[in-house]
Amino acid sequence: MHWHRVVLKEDGREVEVLIAIEREGLYRVRVGNREYIVEIKPKMAVTAQVPSPRTAPNEFLVTSEVPGRVVKVFVNEGDAVKEGDVIAIIESMKMEIEITAPKHGIVEKVYVSQGNFIKEGEPLVKIRFLMENETKDANTKTKQ
């Protein structure tokens, strides 16, 4: 295994980092006496995690964590989504980032469309979370 040496400088302090390629997209990284395995995927999947104060307790505002251009929107108002479903793809710094649903729910509002340029933190969609009994009905709708 061939190690590459990188020196990071911050506030006058230097940190030596050794990096070795395991295989495409998988790297072994040593910092001091610690070693990490780092996987880099061609597309990043991003799920918003913080509820907005502008929503009801059972609603969630999915926002963009990066500025960029909306490549595609996969949902419409009234659509049922499951946790992990791709809601939209944002292009930022030549990377395509998948924005996914944080939970099962119904899309209440779509704020963007293909080609829109958005800022970090801007809303993409509002999702109303489903209660346990509603989840079964929504799963039936998504299969149709």
Protein backbone atom coordinates (compact mmCIF):
# COMPACT_ATOMS: atom_id res chain seq x y z
CA MET A 1 0.00 0.00 0.00
CA HIS A 2 1.39 3.41 -1.00
CA TRP A 3 0.85 6.28 1.46
CA HIS A 4 0.61 9.93 0.40
CA ARG A 5 1.68 12.54 2.96
CA VAL A 6 -0.38 15.72 3.36
CA VAL A 7 0.35 18.48 5.86
CA LEU A 8 -2.62 20.53 7.04
CA LYS A 9 -1.97 23.95 8.57
CA GLU A 10 -4.38 25.72 10.90
CA ASP A 11 -3.67 28.62 13.26
CA GLY A 12 0.07 28.07 12.93
CA ARG A 13 -0.25 24.38 13.80
CA GLU A 14 0.69 21.60 11.38
CA VAL A 15 -0.96 18.20 11.28
CA GLU A 16 0.46 15.37 9.19
CA VAL A 17 -2.11 13.20 7.44
CA LEU A 18 -1.28 10.00 5.54
CA ILE A 19 -3.69 8.81 2.85
CA ALA A 20 -3.67 5.48 1.00
CA ILE A 21 -6.06 4.32 -1.71
CA GLU A 22 -7.75 1.02 -0.81
CA ARG A 23 -9.77 0.93 -4.03
CA GLU A 24 -11.75 3.45 -6.06
CA GLY A 25 -13.78 5.60 -3.67
CA LEU A 26 -12.31 3.98 -0.52
CA TYR A 27 -9.33 5.50 1.32
CA ARG A 28 -7.35 4.69 4.47
CA VAL A 29 -6.48 7.89 6.40
CA ARG A 30 -4.01 8.15 9.30
CA VAL A 31 -3.99 11.17 11.60
CA GLY A 32 -1.47 10.77 14.41
CA ASN A 33 -1.89 7.27 15.80
CA ARG A 34 -5.52 6.93 14.59
CA GLU A 35 -6.57 5.33 11.34
CA TYR A 36 -9.88 5.81 9.50
CA ILE A 37 -11.55 4.28 6.46
CA VAL A 38 -13.18 6.99 4.33
CA GLU A 39 -15.64 6.25 1.53
CA ILE A 40 -16.28 8.93 -1.08
CA LYS A 41 -19.36 8.38 -3.21
CA PRO A 42 -19.93 10.11 -6.57
CA LYS A 43 -23.29 11.45 -5.38
CA MET A 44 -23.99 12.73 -1.89
CA ALA A 45 -27.31 11.99 -0.26
CA VAL A 46 -28.53 14.77 1.97
CA THR A 47 -31.52 14.66 4.30
CA ALA A 48 -32.61 17.76 6.15
CA GLN A 49 -32.59 17.14 9.91
CA VAL A 50 -33.87 20.28 11.67
CA PRO A 51 -37.59 21.09 11.74
CA SER A 52 -38.47 24.64 10.80
CA PRO A 53 -40.27 26.84 13.32
CA ARG A 54 -42.69 27.82 10.51
CA THR A 55 -44.31 24.39 10.41
CA ALA A 56 -46.87 22.58 12.55
CA PRO A 57 -45.60 19.85 14.92
CA ASN A 58 -46.46 17.10 12.42
CA GLU A 59 -44.92 18.94 9.44
CA PHE A 60 -41.34 19.19 8.25
CA LEU A 61 -39.80 21.77 5.95
CA VAL A 62 -37.11 20.09 3.81
CA THR A 63 -34.48 22.69 2.96
CA SER A 64 -31.41 22.74 0.77
CA GLU A 65 -28.15 22.42 2.68
CA VAL A 66 -26.22 23.90 -0.27
CA PRO A 67 -26.73 26.68 -2.79
CA GLY A 68 -27.25 25.43 -6.33
CA ARG A 69 -29.56 24.69 -9.23
CA VAL A 70 -32.55 22.35 -9.01
CA VAL A 71 -31.86 19.59 -11.55
CA LYS A 72 -35.08 17.65 -10.98
CA VAL A 73 -38.03 17.52 -8.59
CA PHE A 74 -39.47 14.03 -8.11
CA VAL A 75 -42.59 14.89 -6.07
CA ASN A 76 -45.81 16.83 -6.47
CA GLU A 77 -48.18 18.22 -3.86
CA GLY A 78 -50.31 15.40 -2.46
CA ASP A 79 -47.73 12.67 -3.19
CA ALA A 80 -46.98 10.10 -0.50
CA VAL A 81 -43.27 9.68 0.28
CA LYS A 82 -41.38 7.14 2.35
CA GLU A 83 -38.33 7.83 4.45
CA GLY A 84 -35.31 7.92 2.12
CA ASP A 85 -37.28 8.60 -1.08
CA VAL A 86 -35.49 11.09 -3.34
CA ILE A 87 -37.41 14.37 -3.35
CA ALA A 88 -35.12 16.42 -5.58
CA ILE A 89 -31.62 16.63 -7.03
CA ILE A 90 -29.57 19.80 -6.55
CA GLU A 91 -26.45 20.57 -8.57
CA SER A 92 -23.82 22.43 -6.58
CA MET A 93 -20.15 22.85 -7.51
CA LYS A 94 -20.51 20.28 -10.34
CA MET A 95 -21.88 17.65 -7.94
CA GLU A 96 -25.40 16.25 -7.95
CA ILE A 97 -26.84 15.99 -4.45
CA GLU A 98 -29.91 13.88 -3.71
CA ILE A 99 -32.32 15.39 -1.22
CA THR A 100 -34.33 12.67 0.52
CA ALA A 101 -37.47 12.49 2.64
CA PRO A 102 -36.67 12.36 6.37
CA LYS A 103 -39.82 10.33 7.22
CA HIS A 104 -42.99 8.85 5.73
CA GLY A 105 -45.47 11.57 4.85
CA ILE A 106 -47.53 13.50 2.35
CA VAL A 107 -46.04 16.36 0.34
CA GLU A 108 -48.04 19.41 1.42
CA LYS A 109 -46.22 22.06 -0.64
CA VAL A 110 -43.51 22.12 -3.34
CA TYR A 111 -41.56 25.40 -3.32
CA VAL A 112 -39.16 24.80 -6.24
CA SER A 113 -39.16 23.55 -9.81
CA GLN A 114 -36.56 22.32 -12.26
CA GLY A 115 -34.03 24.99 -13.18
CA ASN A 116 -34.57 27.17 -10.09
CA PHE A 117 -31.47 28.52 -8.39
CA ILE A 118 -31.69 28.20 -4.63
CA LYS A 119 -29.74 29.42 -1.62
CA GLU A 120 -28.57 27.35 1.33
CA GLY A 121 -31.47 26.91 3.77
CA GLU A 122 -34.14 27.68 1.18
CA PRO A 123 -37.25 25.43 1.42
CA LEU A 124 -37.75 22.70 -1.19
CA VAL A 125 -40.90 20.96 0.08
CA LYS A 126 -43.11 20.74 3.14
CA ILE A 127 -44.03 17.23 4.29
CA ARG A 128 -46.82 16.33 6.70
CA PHE A 129 -45.74 13.32 8.74
CA LEU A 130 -48.10 10.39 8.80
CA MET A 131 -49.42 8.74 11.91
CA GLU A 132 -49.06 4.93 12.18
CA ASN A 133 -52.53 4.21 10.72
CA GLU A 134 -52.02 6.71 7.87
CA THR A 135 -48.70 5.09 6.86
CA LYS A 136 -50.48 1.95 5.59
CA ASP A 137 -52.81 4.05 3.40
CA ALA A 138 -49.89 6.06 1.99
CA ASN A 139 -47.94 2.88 1.16
CA THR A 140 -50.95 1.69 -0.84
CA LYS A 141 -51.03 5.00 -2.78
CA THR A 142 -47.31 4.86 -3.67
CA LYS A 143 -47.67 1.34 -5.10
CA GLN A 144 -50.48 2.32 -7.48
